[in-house]
């Protein structure tokens, strides 16, 4: 009987130890997923694989803009990028990514920074391009 009790105590101790070592917040996995998606987006931009970028956008955006039209309008020549920050602002809802990148347009090189909003939708992070659908009012 003592042998069984000792074995049970060892099993309980190991389970408690494993629980203590596991990530305490679900955001850790979500932040890694977000970083993966941001990298996937920018790698696709460098390769000019705009279909991948489109696939990462929100469903609402896809309802407004046809895939072929999105690809036709994509005319940015991204040369390289560096992810500066990936941060979950509202867990399970909203995140921010800051990316420095360089482009070449008409023979001129430009360096700039993109601040992107990502939203949690259907169990994954998706790029929010909805604000780009509404141009600023003309003066």
N, C-alpha and C. Protein backbone atom coordinates (compact mmCIF):
# COMPACT_ATOMS: atom_id res chain seq x y z
N UNK A 1 0.82 -1.19 0.00
CA UNK A 1 0.00 0.00 0.00
C UNK A 1 0.87 1.26 0.00
N UNK A 2 1.94 1.25 0.77
CA UNK A 2 2.83 2.40 0.80
C UNK A 2 3.49 2.63 -0.55
N UNK A 3 3.79 1.56 -1.25
CA UNK A 3 4.40 1.69 -2.58
C UNK A 3 3.44 2.40 -3.56
N UNK A 4 2.17 2.04 -3.49
CA UNK A 4 1.17 2.69 -4.35
C UNK A 4 1.02 4.16 -3.99
N UNK A 5 1.01 4.47 -2.74
CA UNK A 5 0.86 5.85 -2.29
C UNK A 5 2.07 6.68 -2.71
N UNK A 6 3.24 6.10 -2.58
CA UNK A 6 4.46 6.80 -3.00
C UNK A 6 4.45 7.05 -4.50
N UNK A 7 4.03 6.04 -5.27
CA UNK A 7 3.95 6.19 -6.73
C UNK A 7 2.94 7.27 -7.11
N UNK A 8 1.82 7.26 -6.44
CA UNK A 8 0.78 8.26 -6.71
C UNK A 8 1.30 9.66 -6.40
N UNK A 9 2.02 9.81 -5.32
CA UNK A 9 2.57 11.11 -4.96
C UNK A 9 3.58 11.59 -6.01
N UNK A 10 4.39 10.67 -6.54
CA UNK A 10 5.35 11.02 -7.58
C UNK A 10 4.63 11.48 -8.85
N UNK A 11 3.59 10.78 -9.23
CA UNK A 11 2.82 11.14 -10.43
C UNK A 11 2.19 12.52 -10.26
N UNK A 12 1.59 12.75 -9.11
CA UNK A 12 0.97 14.06 -8.84
C UNK A 12 2.04 15.15 -8.85
N UNK A 13 3.20 14.89 -8.26
CA UNK A 13 4.28 15.88 -8.23
C UNK A 13 4.75 16.22 -9.65
N UNK A 14 4.92 15.20 -10.48
CA UNK A 14 5.37 15.43 -11.86
C UNK A 14 4.33 16.23 -12.63
N UNK A 15 3.05 15.89 -12.46
CA UNK A 15 1.99 16.63 -13.14
C UNK A 15 1.97 18.10 -12.70
N UNK A 16 2.13 18.33 -11.42
CA UNK A 16 2.17 19.72 -10.94
C UNK A 16 3.37 20.46 -11.51
N UNK A 17 4.49 19.79 -11.58
CA UNK A 17 5.70 20.41 -12.13
C UNK A 17 5.50 20.75 -13.60
N UNK A 18 4.91 19.83 -14.36
CA UNK A 18 4.66 20.09 -15.78
C UNK A 18 3.69 21.24 -15.97
N UNK A 19 2.68 21.31 -15.14
CA UNK A 19 1.71 22.40 -15.22
C UNK A 19 2.39 23.73 -14.92
N UNK A 20 3.27 23.75 -13.95
CA UNK A 20 3.97 24.98 -13.59
C UNK A 20 4.91 25.44 -14.69
N UNK A 21 5.43 24.51 -15.48
CA UNK A 21 6.38 24.86 -16.55
C UNK A 21 5.70 25.26 -17.85
N UNK A 22 4.42 24.97 -17.98
CA UNK A 22 3.73 25.29 -19.23
C UNK A 22 3.45 26.79 -19.28
N UNK A 23 3.29 27.34 -20.50
CA UNK A 23 3.02 28.77 -20.61
C UNK A 23 1.75 29.13 -19.85
N UNK A 24 1.81 30.22 -19.12
CA UNK A 24 0.67 30.59 -18.29
C UNK A 24 -0.36 31.41 -19.05
N UNK A 25 0.00 31.94 -20.18
CA UNK A 25 -0.96 32.75 -20.93
C UNK A 25 -1.12 32.20 -22.33
N UNK A 26 -2.36 32.20 -22.81
CA UNK A 26 -2.57 31.75 -24.18
C UNK A 26 -2.02 32.74 -25.20
N UNK A 27 -1.71 33.97 -24.77
CA UNK A 27 -1.19 34.97 -25.70
C UNK A 27 0.18 34.63 -26.22
N UNK A 28 0.95 33.82 -25.49
CA UNK A 28 2.29 33.47 -25.94
C UNK A 28 2.20 32.78 -27.29
N UNK A 29 1.35 31.78 -27.41
CA UNK A 29 1.16 31.10 -28.69
C UNK A 29 0.58 32.01 -29.74
N UNK A 30 -0.31 32.88 -29.32
CA UNK A 30 -0.93 33.80 -30.27
C UNK A 30 0.08 34.83 -30.77
N UNK A 31 0.99 35.25 -29.91
CA UNK A 31 2.02 36.21 -30.36
C UNK A 31 2.97 35.55 -31.35
N UNK A 32 3.30 34.29 -31.11
CA UNK A 32 4.14 33.57 -32.06
C UNK A 32 3.42 33.40 -33.40
N UNK A 33 2.12 33.12 -33.34
CA UNK A 33 1.31 32.99 -34.56
C UNK A 33 1.26 34.32 -35.29
N UNK A 34 1.09 35.40 -34.55
CA UNK A 34 1.06 36.73 -35.15
C UNK A 34 2.39 37.03 -35.85
N UNK A 35 3.50 36.78 -35.16
CA UNK A 35 4.82 37.02 -35.75
C UNK A 35 5.01 36.19 -37.01
N UNK A 36 4.57 34.93 -36.97
CA UNK A 36 4.66 34.06 -38.15
C UNK A 36 3.86 34.66 -39.32
N UNK A 37 2.65 35.14 -39.04
CA UNK A 37 1.82 35.70 -40.11
C UNK A 37 2.40 36.99 -40.67
N UNK A 38 2.95 37.83 -39.81
CA UNK A 38 3.58 39.08 -40.28
C UNK A 38 4.77 38.74 -41.18
N UNK A 39 5.58 37.79 -40.75
CA UNK A 39 6.73 37.38 -41.56
C UNK A 39 6.27 36.78 -42.89
N UNK A 40 5.22 35.96 -42.84
CA UNK A 40 4.68 35.36 -44.06
C UNK A 40 4.21 36.45 -45.03
N UNK A 41 3.54 37.47 -44.50
CA UNK A 41 3.06 38.59 -45.32
C UNK A 41 4.22 39.30 -46.03
N UNK A 42 5.25 39.65 -45.26
CA UNK A 42 6.34 40.43 -45.83
C UNK A 42 7.25 39.60 -46.72
N UNK A 43 7.44 38.33 -46.39
CA UNK A 43 8.17 37.44 -47.31
C UNK A 43 7.44 37.37 -48.65
N UNK A 44 6.11 37.28 -48.59
CA UNK A 44 5.31 37.22 -49.83
C UNK A 44 5.43 38.52 -50.61
N UNK A 45 5.47 39.65 -49.93
CA UNK A 45 5.62 40.94 -50.62
C UNK A 45 6.96 41.01 -51.34
N UNK A 46 8.01 40.53 -50.71
CA UNK A 46 9.33 40.52 -51.35
C UNK A 46 9.30 39.63 -52.60
N UNK A 47 8.62 38.49 -52.51
CA UNK A 47 8.51 37.56 -53.65
C UNK A 47 7.46 38.00 -54.68
N UNK A 48 6.73 39.06 -54.34
CA UNK A 48 5.62 39.55 -55.18
C UNK A 48 4.53 38.49 -55.32
N UNK A 49 4.31 37.76 -54.26
CA UNK A 49 3.27 36.74 -54.20
C UNK A 49 2.06 37.34 -53.47
N UNK A 50 1.35 38.21 -54.17
CA UNK A 50 0.29 39.00 -53.56
C UNK A 50 -0.93 38.16 -53.18
N UNK A 51 -1.07 36.98 -53.74
CA UNK A 51 -2.15 36.09 -53.35
C UNK A 51 -2.03 35.68 -51.89
N UNK A 52 -0.80 35.46 -51.43
CA UNK A 52 -0.57 35.11 -50.02
C UNK A 52 -0.98 36.28 -49.13
N UNK A 53 -0.63 37.49 -49.52
CA UNK A 53 -0.99 38.68 -48.74
C UNK A 53 -2.52 38.79 -48.66
N UNK A 54 -3.18 38.59 -49.79
CA UNK A 54 -4.64 38.65 -49.83
C UNK A 54 -5.24 37.61 -48.89
N UNK A 55 -4.69 36.41 -48.89
CA UNK A 55 -5.21 35.34 -48.03
C UNK A 55 -5.09 35.67 -46.55
N UNK A 56 -4.18 36.54 -46.18
CA UNK A 56 -3.98 36.92 -44.78
C UNK A 56 -4.91 38.04 -44.31
N UNK A 57 -5.69 38.61 -45.22
CA UNK A 57 -6.58 39.72 -44.86
C UNK A 57 -7.87 39.22 -44.22
N UNK A 58 -8.60 40.16 -43.63
CA UNK A 58 -9.88 39.85 -42.98
C UNK A 58 -10.92 39.40 -44.00
N UNK A 59 -11.87 38.60 -43.56
CA UNK A 59 -12.96 38.17 -44.43
C UNK A 59 -13.77 39.36 -44.94
N UNK A 60 -13.97 40.38 -44.10
CA UNK A 60 -14.72 41.57 -44.52
C UNK A 60 -14.03 42.26 -45.70
N UNK A 61 -12.71 42.30 -45.67
CA UNK A 61 -11.95 42.91 -46.77
C UNK A 61 -12.11 42.08 -48.04
N UNK A 62 -12.06 40.77 -47.90
CA UNK A 62 -12.20 39.89 -49.06
C UNK A 62 -13.58 40.01 -49.70
N UNK A 63 -14.58 40.35 -48.89
CA UNK A 63 -15.93 40.55 -49.43
C UNK A 63 -16.01 41.83 -50.27
N UNK A 64 -15.16 42.79 -49.95
CA UNK A 64 -15.17 44.09 -50.64
C UNK A 64 -14.24 44.12 -51.86
N UNK A 65 -13.13 43.41 -51.79
CA UNK A 65 -12.12 43.45 -52.86
C UNK A 65 -11.90 42.04 -53.40
N UNK A 66 -12.06 41.91 -54.68
CA UNK A 66 -11.82 40.64 -55.37
C UNK A 66 -10.33 40.32 -55.38
N UNK A 67 -10.00 39.06 -55.25
CA UNK A 67 -8.60 38.61 -55.22
C UNK A 67 -7.82 39.08 -56.45
N UNK A 68 -8.39 38.89 -57.64
CA UNK A 68 -7.69 39.27 -58.87
C UNK A 68 -7.46 40.78 -58.93
N UNK A 69 -8.44 41.56 -58.49
CA UNK A 69 -8.29 43.02 -58.47
C UNK A 69 -7.19 43.43 -57.49
N UNK A 70 -7.16 42.78 -56.33
CA UNK A 70 -6.13 43.06 -55.33
C UNK A 70 -4.74 42.80 -55.92
N UNK A 71 -4.58 41.68 -56.58
CA UNK A 71 -3.28 41.32 -57.17
C UNK A 71 -2.90 42.29 -58.28
N UNK A 72 -3.87 42.70 -59.09
CA UNK A 72 -3.60 43.66 -60.18
C UNK A 72 -3.12 45.00 -59.63
N UNK A 73 -3.70 45.43 -58.53
CA UNK A 73 -3.37 46.75 -57.96
C UNK A 73 -2.06 46.75 -57.16
N UNK A 74 -1.56 45.59 -56.82
CA UNK A 74 -0.35 45.51 -56.01
C UNK A 74 0.85 45.91 -56.87
N UNK A 75 1.40 47.06 -56.59
CA UNK A 75 2.52 47.56 -57.40
C UNK A 75 3.69 48.05 -56.55
N UNK A 76 3.85 47.48 -55.38
CA UNK A 76 4.94 47.87 -54.50
C UNK A 76 6.07 46.86 -54.66
N UNK A 77 7.26 47.37 -54.87
CA UNK A 77 8.44 46.52 -55.04
C UNK A 77 9.25 46.49 -53.75
N UNK A 78 8.83 45.64 -52.82
CA UNK A 78 9.52 45.54 -51.54
C UNK A 78 10.84 44.81 -51.76
N UNK A 79 11.91 45.44 -51.30
CA UNK A 79 13.25 44.87 -51.45
C UNK A 79 13.66 44.04 -50.24
N UNK A 80 13.41 44.61 -49.05
CA UNK A 80 13.75 43.93 -47.81
C UNK A 80 12.92 44.52 -46.68
N UNK A 81 12.87 43.80 -45.56
CA UNK A 81 12.08 44.25 -44.41
C UNK A 81 12.72 43.77 -43.12
N UNK A 82 12.30 44.43 -42.04
CA UNK A 82 12.73 44.04 -40.71
C UNK A 82 11.55 44.26 -39.76
N UNK A 83 11.12 43.20 -39.09
CA UNK A 83 10.02 43.31 -38.15
C UNK A 83 10.57 43.94 -36.87
N UNK A 84 10.07 45.12 -36.54
CA UNK A 84 10.56 45.86 -35.38
C UNK A 84 9.78 45.54 -34.12
N UNK A 85 8.47 45.32 -34.26
CA UNK A 85 7.65 45.07 -33.09
C UNK A 85 6.41 44.28 -33.48
N UNK A 86 6.05 43.36 -32.62
CA UNK A 86 4.80 42.61 -32.74
C UNK A 86 4.21 42.60 -31.35
N UNK A 87 3.01 43.17 -31.21
CA UNK A 87 2.45 43.33 -29.88
C UNK A 87 0.95 43.10 -29.90
N UNK A 88 0.48 42.28 -28.98
CA UNK A 88 -0.96 42.08 -28.82
C UNK A 88 -1.48 43.21 -27.95
N UNK A 89 -2.40 43.99 -28.50
CA UNK A 89 -2.95 45.15 -27.78
C UNK A 89 -4.16 44.73 -26.95
N UNK A 90 -5.05 43.97 -27.56
CA UNK A 90 -6.23 43.44 -26.87
C UNK A 90 -6.22 41.93 -27.09
N UNK A 91 -5.91 41.15 -26.06
CA UNK A 91 -5.83 39.70 -26.23
C UNK A 91 -7.07 39.11 -26.90
N UNK A 92 -6.81 38.30 -27.92
CA UNK A 92 -7.89 37.65 -28.64
C UNK A 92 -8.67 38.57 -29.55
N UNK A 93 -8.19 39.81 -29.73
CA UNK A 93 -8.93 40.78 -30.56
C UNK A 93 -8.04 41.54 -31.53
N UNK A 94 -7.07 42.27 -30.98
CA UNK A 94 -6.32 43.22 -31.80
C UNK A 94 -4.84 43.18 -31.48
N UNK A 95 -4.03 43.35 -32.55
CA UNK A 95 -2.58 43.38 -32.38
C UNK A 95 -1.98 44.42 -33.33
N UNK A 96 -0.74 44.75 -33.08
CA UNK A 96 -0.01 45.74 -33.87
C UNK A 96 1.32 45.14 -34.31
N UNK A 97 1.67 45.41 -35.55
CA UNK A 97 2.99 45.02 -36.06
C UNK A 97 3.63 46.26 -36.66
N UNK A 98 4.90 46.47 -36.35
CA UNK A 98 5.66 47.58 -36.91
C UNK A 98 6.80 46.97 -37.72
N UNK A 99 6.85 47.34 -39.00
CA UNK A 99 7.82 46.75 -39.92
C UNK A 99 8.53 47.87 -40.68
N UNK A 100 9.86 47.87 -40.60
CA UNK A 100 10.66 48.76 -41.45
C UNK A 100 10.91 48.02 -42.75
N UNK A 101 10.80 48.73 -43.87
CA UNK A 101 11.04 48.08 -45.16
C UNK A 101 11.58 49.08 -46.17
N UNK A 102 12.19 48.52 -47.20
CA UNK A 102 12.67 49.37 -48.29
C UNK A 102 12.00 48.92 -49.58
N UNK A 103 11.71 49.91 -50.41
CA UNK A 103 11.08 49.63 -51.71
C UNK A 103 11.88 50.33 -52.80
N UNK A 104 11.66 49.89 -54.00
CA UNK A 104 12.24 50.55 -55.16
C UNK A 104 11.09 50.87 -56.10
N UNK A 105 10.87 52.17 -56.32
CA UNK A 105 9.82 52.62 -57.23
C UNK A 105 10.46 53.50 -58.30
N UNK A 106 10.28 53.08 -59.53
CA UNK A 106 10.78 53.84 -60.69
C UNK A 106 12.26 54.18 -60.55
N UNK A 107 13.03 53.22 -60.04
CA UNK A 107 14.47 53.39 -59.95
C UNK A 107 14.95 54.10 -58.70
N UNK A 108 14.06 54.51 -57.84
CA UNK A 108 14.44 55.20 -56.61
C UNK A 108 14.19 54.29 -55.42
N UNK A 109 15.14 54.29 -54.48
CA UNK A 109 15.01 53.49 -53.26
C UNK A 109 14.42 54.35 -52.15
N UNK A 110 13.48 53.78 -51.42
CA UNK A 110 12.86 54.45 -50.29
C UNK A 110 12.85 53.50 -49.10
N UNK A 111 13.05 54.07 -47.92
CA UNK A 111 12.92 53.32 -46.68
C UNK A 111 11.78 53.93 -45.89
N UNK A 112 10.93 53.07 -45.36
CA UNK A 112 9.78 53.56 -44.61
C UNK A 112 9.36 52.54 -43.57
N UNK A 113 8.36 52.89 -42.79
CA UNK A 113 7.85 52.02 -41.74
C UNK A 113 6.36 51.82 -41.91
N UNK A 114 5.94 50.59 -41.73
CA UNK A 114 4.51 50.26 -41.79
C UNK A 114 4.03 49.90 -40.40
N UNK A 115 2.90 50.49 -40.00
CA UNK A 115 2.24 50.13 -38.74
C UNK A 115 0.95 49.43 -39.12
N UNK A 116 0.91 48.14 -38.86
CA UNK A 116 -0.22 47.32 -39.30
C UNK A 116 -1.07 46.89 -38.11
N UNK A 117 -2.36 46.88 -38.34
CA UNK A 117 -3.28 46.35 -37.34
C UNK A 117 -3.71 44.96 -37.80
N UNK A 118 -3.66 44.03 -36.87
CA UNK A 118 -4.08 42.66 -37.11
C UNK A 118 -5.21 42.33 -36.15
N UNK A 119 -6.22 41.61 -36.65
CA UNK A 119 -7.36 41.24 -35.83
C UNK A 119 -7.48 39.72 -35.75
N UNK A 120 -7.91 39.23 -34.61
CA UNK A 120 -8.11 37.79 -34.39
C UNK A 120 -9.45 37.42 -34.99
N UNK A 121 -9.42 36.51 -35.96
CA UNK A 121 -10.65 36.10 -36.66
C UNK A 121 -10.55 34.62 -37.00
N UNK A 122 -11.56 33.87 -36.65
CA UNK A 122 -11.62 32.44 -36.96
C UNK A 122 -10.38 31.68 -36.50
N UNK A 123 -9.88 31.99 -35.31
CA UNK A 123 -8.77 31.25 -34.74
C UNK A 123 -7.40 31.59 -35.29
N UNK A 124 -7.26 32.75 -35.95
CA UNK A 124 -5.95 33.16 -36.47
C UNK A 124 -5.91 34.68 -36.60
N UNK A 125 -4.70 35.21 -36.74
CA UNK A 125 -4.52 36.65 -36.93
C UNK A 125 -4.64 36.98 -38.42
N UNK A 126 -5.40 38.06 -38.71
CA UNK A 126 -5.60 38.50 -40.09
C UNK A 126 -5.33 40.00 -40.21
N UNK A 127 -4.70 40.35 -41.30
CA UNK A 127 -4.33 41.73 -41.57
C UNK A 127 -5.57 42.57 -41.85
N UNK A 128 -5.68 43.70 -41.15
CA UNK A 128 -6.82 44.59 -41.33
C UNK A 128 -6.48 45.66 -42.36
N UNK A 129 -6.93 45.46 -43.58
CA UNK A 129 -6.75 46.46 -44.63
C UNK A 129 -8.03 47.25 -44.89
N UNK A 130 -9.03 47.08 -44.03
CA UNK A 130 -10.30 47.79 -44.21
C UNK A 130 -10.13 49.31 -44.29
N UNK A 131 -9.26 49.92 -43.46
CA UNK A 131 -9.11 51.39 -43.57
C UNK A 131 -8.65 51.84 -44.96
N UNK A 132 -7.98 50.99 -45.71
CA UNK A 132 -7.52 51.38 -47.04
C UNK A 132 -8.66 51.47 -48.05
N UNK A 133 -9.81 50.94 -47.70
CA UNK A 133 -10.97 51.00 -48.61
C UNK A 133 -11.63 52.36 -48.59
N UNK A 134 -11.45 53.10 -47.51
CA UNK A 134 -12.09 54.41 -47.37
C UNK A 134 -11.04 55.51 -47.50
N UNK A 135 -10.90 56.07 -48.69
CA UNK A 135 -9.91 57.15 -48.84
C UNK A 135 -10.31 58.36 -48.02
N UNK A 136 -9.32 59.16 -47.61
CA UNK A 136 -9.66 60.37 -46.83
C UNK A 136 -10.52 61.32 -47.67
N UNK A 137 -11.38 62.07 -47.00
CA UNK A 137 -12.24 63.01 -47.75
C UNK A 137 -11.41 64.07 -48.45
N UNK A 138 -11.89 64.47 -49.62
CA UNK A 138 -11.18 65.53 -50.37
C UNK A 138 -11.49 66.87 -49.78
N UNK A 139 -10.51 67.75 -49.84
CA UNK A 139 -10.70 69.11 -49.28
C UNK A 139 -11.12 70.07 -50.37
